Amino acid sequence: MRWITRRNAHVDRTSCPWLIRRYIDPAAEFVFVSGDADAATLDGRTFDMRGAEYAHEGERCTFQVMLERHGLHRDAALIEMGRIIRDADVPPSRTRRPEAAGLDALIRGFQLAAPDDHEKLRLTAPLYDALYAYCQRKVATQPPRQGTPRPRLRYSRRVASHLEDEQT
């Protein structure tokens, strides 16, 4: 299948091809067009461009939209990866994940070092393999959330409590 997006691939336009080749269409062919191309006139599946079949929806980036539409949202590591990609792809917010700034910087570096988008996809695929492995470990080691968190005592109150316990 032919997949079409805008030239000068950045975070969403390098991560989506990784997702497509790995989970949706291993034989995918990618075509890069100008930003003003009309998605309705293109022969193929369009993504991350104006009027595309797959594009940002609300707070979600294209990668996250693809996860949901292809039933991949059950993989916790892909969900976490999608959050990092969204935070790296869109302007920073208060809740930006710490990994997002690094991903954004790396992809901006690839934009400078590899102007050819096909070469960029080849170079960034191992980066997304590594990010996925990182996310697998991250979600596997996170303790499950259970109920309302217990309020934590400040250090000075803990010390005072400990000293009171020793005196009794």
Protein backbone atom coordinates (compact mmCIF):
# COMPACT_ATOMS: atom_id res chain seq x y z
CA MET A 1 0.00 0.00 0.00
CA ARG A 2 1.11 3.53 -0.72
CA TRP A 3 1.20 5.92 2.26
CA ILE A 4 1.49 9.66 1.64
CA THR A 5 2.50 12.54 3.90
CA ARG A 6 4.21 15.94 3.78
CA ARG A 7 7.91 16.44 3.10
CA ASN A 8 10.52 17.32 5.73
CA ALA A 9 9.34 14.65 8.16
CA HIS A 10 9.40 15.53 11.83
CA VAL A 11 8.25 13.50 14.87
CA ASP A 12 4.77 12.35 13.78
CA ARG A 13 5.87 11.84 10.17
CA THR A 14 8.83 9.65 11.20
CA SER A 15 7.07 7.73 13.99
CA CYS A 16 3.95 6.88 11.96
CA PRO A 17 5.95 5.09 9.22
CA TRP A 18 7.68 3.06 11.98
CA LEU A 19 4.24 2.12 13.36
CA ILE A 20 2.85 1.37 9.89
CA ARG A 21 5.73 -0.90 8.87
CA ARG A 22 5.88 -2.68 12.21
CA TYR A 23 2.16 -3.21 12.94
CA ILE A 24 -0.10 -2.21 10.03
CA ASP A 25 1.53 -2.69 6.61
CA PRO A 26 5.02 -4.26 6.54
CA ALA A 27 5.28 -3.69 2.78
CA ALA A 28 4.31 -0.01 2.99
CA GLU A 29 5.67 2.40 0.38
CA PHE A 30 6.04 6.02 1.53
CA VAL A 31 5.62 9.08 -0.66
CA PHE A 32 6.38 12.62 0.47
CA VAL A 33 4.55 15.56 -1.11
CA SER A 34 4.51 19.33 -0.68
CA GLY A 35 2.63 20.73 2.29
CA ASP A 36 0.00 22.34 0.08
CA ALA A 37 -0.93 19.08 -1.73
CA ASP A 38 -4.64 18.22 -1.68
CA ALA A 39 -5.00 14.93 0.20
CA ALA A 40 -8.27 14.17 -1.61
CA THR A 41 -6.49 14.01 -4.99
CA LEU A 42 -3.66 11.68 -3.91
CA ASP A 43 -3.60 7.95 -4.68
CA GLY A 44 -2.86 6.25 -1.35
CA ARG A 45 -3.50 6.49 2.36
CA THR A 46 -2.69 9.94 3.64
CA PHE A 47 -1.41 10.84 7.09
CA ASP A 48 -0.31 13.88 9.08
CA MET A 49 -1.34 16.46 6.52
CA ARG A 50 -4.32 18.74 5.96
CA GLY A 51 -7.39 16.67 5.00
CA ALA A 52 -5.60 13.34 5.55
CA GLU A 53 -7.24 10.04 6.43
CA TYR A 54 -5.08 9.99 9.56
CA ALA A 55 -4.39 13.34 11.22
CA HIS A 56 -4.41 15.01 14.61
CA GLU A 57 -7.76 14.67 16.39
CA GLY A 58 -8.33 16.90 19.38
CA GLU A 59 -5.40 16.42 21.78
CA ARG A 60 -4.14 13.30 19.98
CA CYS A 61 -1.34 13.27 17.42
CA THR A 62 -1.51 11.16 14.26
CA PHE A 63 0.47 8.31 15.86
CA GLN A 64 -2.13 8.05 18.63
CA VAL A 65 -5.00 8.17 16.11
CA MET A 66 -3.42 5.26 14.20
CA LEU A 67 -3.04 3.26 17.42
CA GLU A 68 -6.73 3.57 18.14
CA ARG A 69 -8.02 2.97 14.62
CA HIS A 70 -5.91 -0.16 14.17
CA GLY A 71 -6.72 -1.69 17.56
CA LEU A 72 -3.19 -1.20 18.88
CA HIS A 73 -4.33 0.80 21.93
CA ARG A 74 -4.19 -2.31 24.12
CA ASP A 75 -0.37 -2.29 24.09
CA ALA A 76 0.59 -0.16 27.11
CA ALA A 77 4.09 0.47 25.71
CA LEU A 78 2.66 1.83 22.44
CA ILE A 79 0.27 4.05 24.42
CA GLU A 80 3.16 5.47 26.46
CA MET A 81 5.21 5.87 23.28
CA GLY A 82 2.27 7.76 21.74
CA ARG A 83 2.20 10.15 24.71
CA ILE A 84 5.90 10.88 24.32
CA ILE A 85 5.52 11.36 20.56
CA ARG A 86 2.54 13.70 21.05
CA ASP A 87 4.47 15.76 23.59
CA ALA A 88 7.45 15.98 21.23
CA ASP A 89 5.30 16.76 18.17
CA VAL A 90 3.12 19.57 19.50
CA PRO A 91 4.09 22.79 21.30
CA PRO A 92 5.16 22.18 24.90
CA SER A 93 2.52 22.01 27.58
CA ARG A 94 2.64 21.90 31.37
CA THR A 95 2.50 18.10 31.34
CA ARG A 96 5.22 17.45 28.79
CA ARG A 97 6.99 14.16 29.45
CA PRO A 98 10.72 14.49 30.08
CA GLU A 99 11.56 12.14 27.17
CA ALA A 100 9.71 14.38 24.69
CA ALA A 101 12.33 17.14 24.60
CA GLY A 102 15.05 14.62 23.78
CA LEU A 103 12.99 13.01 21.01
CA ASP A 104 12.19 16.42 19.52
CA ALA A 105 15.89 17.39 19.58
CA LEU A 106 16.96 14.11 17.95
CA ILE A 107 14.39 14.36 15.15
CA ARG A 108 15.31 18.01 14.52
CA GLY A 109 18.91 16.82 14.21
CA PHE A 110 17.85 14.17 11.67
CA GLN A 111 16.02 16.89 9.72
CA LEU A 112 19.30 18.79 9.46
CA ALA A 113 21.58 15.79 8.86
CA ALA A 114 19.38 13.85 6.43
CA PRO A 115 17.32 16.10 4.16
CA ASP A 116 16.00 13.09 2.17
CA ASP A 117 12.84 11.82 3.90
CA HIS A 118 13.35 8.19 2.89
CA GLU A 119 16.84 8.28 4.42
CA LYS A 120 15.35 9.92 7.52
CA LEU A 121 12.91 6.98 7.91
CA ARG A 122 15.77 4.50 7.55
CA LEU A 123 17.83 6.31 10.17
CA THR A 124 15.03 6.89 12.68
CA ALA A 125 13.57 3.34 12.63
CA PRO A 126 16.17 2.06 15.17
CA LEU A 127 15.46 5.13 17.32
CA TYR A 128 11.77 4.17 17.51
CA ASP A 129 12.68 0.52 18.14
CA ALA A 130 14.71 1.73 21.11
CA LEU A 131 11.96 4.08 22.30
CA TYR A 132 9.47 1.20 22.17
CA ALA A 133 11.82 -1.03 24.20
CA TYR A 134 12.24 1.80 26.71
CA CYS A 135 8.45 2.20 26.96
CA GLN A 136 8.00 -1.54 27.45
CA ARG A 137 10.37 -1.41 30.42
CA LYS A 138 8.82 1.80 31.72
CA VAL A 139 5.26 0.44 31.81
CA ALA A 140 6.41 -2.92 33.21
CA THR A 141 8.13 -1.29 36.19
CA GLN A 142 5.47 1.29 37.05
CA PRO A 143 3.56 0.32 40.17
CA PRO A 144 -0.19 0.05 39.56
CA ARG A 145 -2.23 2.95 40.82
CA GLN A 146 -4.55 1.98 43.63
CA GLY A 147 -7.11 4.34 45.12
CA THR A 148 -6.34 7.68 46.64
CA PRO A 149 -2.66 8.18 47.47
CA ARG A 150 -1.80 8.39 51.14
CA PRO A 151 -0.73 11.89 52.18
CA ARG A 152 2.99 12.05 52.79
CA LEU A 153 4.40 13.63 55.89
CA ARG A 154 6.98 16.32 55.45
CA TYR A 155 10.48 15.37 56.49
CA SER A 156 10.41 17.55 59.62
CA ARG A 157 7.11 15.97 60.73
CA ARG A 158 8.48 12.47 60.11
CA VAL A 159 11.55 13.25 62.26
CA ALA A 160 9.38 14.72 65.03
CA SER A 161 7.10 11.67 64.89
CA HIS A 162 10.11 9.35 65.04
CA LEU A 163 11.56 11.21 68.05
CA GLU A 164 8.20 11.03 69.85
CA ASP A 165 8.09 7.26 69.22
CA GLU A 166 11.55 6.87 70.76
CA GLN A 167 10.57 8.75 73.93
CA THR A 168 7.56 6.57 74.66
